[in-house]
């Protein structure tokens, strides 16, 4: 059952990879890459369950946080041209 779920996650990742390559706008590409990151989190969690290693859940949570922060940083860079926040002096 979990092998079928892992296979379905891999297929969804491949479809998102095609979307990231063919996306007409940069926001479509960013969304596809974020989707790939989310599917990676699910795949790591499923593989941890399949292999009986619950410590993979900690790894998948850490990867989810990194994916979230990276997506916010890339969106901010695309919108403003820089990542650092403006400071008023």
Protein backbone atom coordinates (compact mmCIF):
# COMPACT_ATOMS: atom_id res chain seq x y z
CA UNK A 1 0.00 0.00 0.00
CA UNK A 2 2.73 2.46 0.96
CA UNK A 3 4.79 1.44 -2.07
CA UNK A 4 1.87 2.50 -4.26
CA UNK A 5 1.66 5.79 -2.39
CA UNK A 6 5.40 6.37 -2.87
CA UNK A 7 5.05 5.59 -6.59
CA UNK A 8 2.14 8.03 -6.90
CA UNK A 9 4.19 10.72 -5.15
CA UNK A 10 7.05 10.17 -7.60
CA UNK A 11 4.67 10.46 -10.55
CA UNK A 12 3.27 13.70 -9.11
CA UNK A 13 6.82 15.01 -8.73
CA UNK A 14 7.59 14.21 -12.36
CA UNK A 15 4.46 16.03 -13.50
CA UNK A 16 5.42 19.04 -11.38
CA UNK A 17 8.90 18.94 -12.92
CA UNK A 18 7.33 19.17 -16.37
CA UNK A 19 5.25 22.10 -15.14
CA UNK A 20 8.35 23.81 -13.75
CA UNK A 21 10.06 23.46 -17.11
CA UNK A 22 7.09 24.56 -19.23
CA UNK A 23 5.57 27.21 -16.95
CA UNK A 24 4.79 30.37 -18.87
CA UNK A 25 5.54 32.70 -15.95
CA UNK A 26 8.11 32.69 -13.19
CA UNK A 27 5.34 32.31 -10.60
CA UNK A 28 4.17 29.07 -12.24
CA UNK A 29 7.72 27.77 -12.03
CA UNK A 30 8.07 28.77 -8.37
CA UNK A 31 4.75 27.09 -7.56
CA UNK A 32 5.88 23.91 -9.31
CA UNK A 33 9.19 23.86 -7.44
CA UNK A 34 7.34 24.40 -4.15
CA UNK A 35 5.06 21.50 -5.08
CA UNK A 36 8.10 19.32 -5.71
CA UNK A 37 9.43 20.27 -2.27
CA UNK A 38 6.14 19.39 -0.62
CA UNK A 39 6.02 16.07 -2.43
CA UNK A 40 9.59 15.40 -1.29
CA UNK A 41 8.48 15.89 2.31
CA UNK A 42 5.70 13.36 1.78
CA UNK A 43 8.07 10.93 0.07
CA UNK A 44 10.59 11.12 2.92
CA UNK A 45 7.81 10.52 5.45
CA UNK A 46 6.43 7.57 3.45
CA UNK A 47 9.89 6.05 3.07
CA UNK A 48 10.44 6.41 6.80
CA UNK A 49 7.22 4.54 7.42
CA UNK A 50 8.05 1.83 4.86
CA UNK A 51 11.52 1.22 6.29
CA UNK A 52 10.34 1.47 9.90
CA UNK A 53 12.55 4.45 10.75
CA UNK A 54 10.51 7.11 12.57
CA UNK A 55 13.45 9.51 12.61
CA UNK A 56 12.73 10.23 8.93
CA UNK A 57 9.71 12.24 10.11
CA UNK A 58 12.05 14.69 11.82
CA UNK A 59 14.04 15.00 8.62
CA UNK A 60 10.89 15.61 6.60
CA UNK A 61 9.72 18.34 9.01
CA UNK A 62 13.09 20.06 8.76
CA UNK A 63 12.93 19.85 4.97
CA UNK A 64 9.42 21.35 5.04
CA UNK A 65 10.69 24.35 7.02
CA UNK A 66 13.61 24.84 4.64
CA UNK A 67 11.25 24.57 1.66
CA UNK A 68 8.93 27.20 3.14
CA UNK A 69 11.70 29.67 3.91
CA UNK A 70 13.32 29.18 0.50
CA UNK A 71 10.02 29.76 -1.29
CA UNK A 72 9.40 32.98 0.63
CA UNK A 73 12.94 34.17 -0.12
CA UNK A 74 12.65 33.42 -3.85
CA UNK A 75 9.27 35.13 -4.10
CA UNK A 76 10.62 38.16 -2.29
CA UNK A 77 13.64 38.27 -4.60
CA UNK A 78 11.46 38.03 -7.71
CA UNK A 79 9.13 40.77 -6.47
CA UNK A 80 11.69 43.26 -5.16
CA UNK A 81 14.99 42.27 -6.72
CA UNK A 82 16.54 41.74 -3.29
CA UNK A 83 15.92 39.55 -0.26
CA UNK A 84 16.96 41.92 2.51
CA UNK A 85 14.18 43.96 4.10
CA UNK A 86 14.20 47.73 3.73
CA UNK A 87 15.42 49.57 6.79
CA UNK A 88 14.53 53.18 7.38
CA UNK A 89 17.31 55.27 8.91
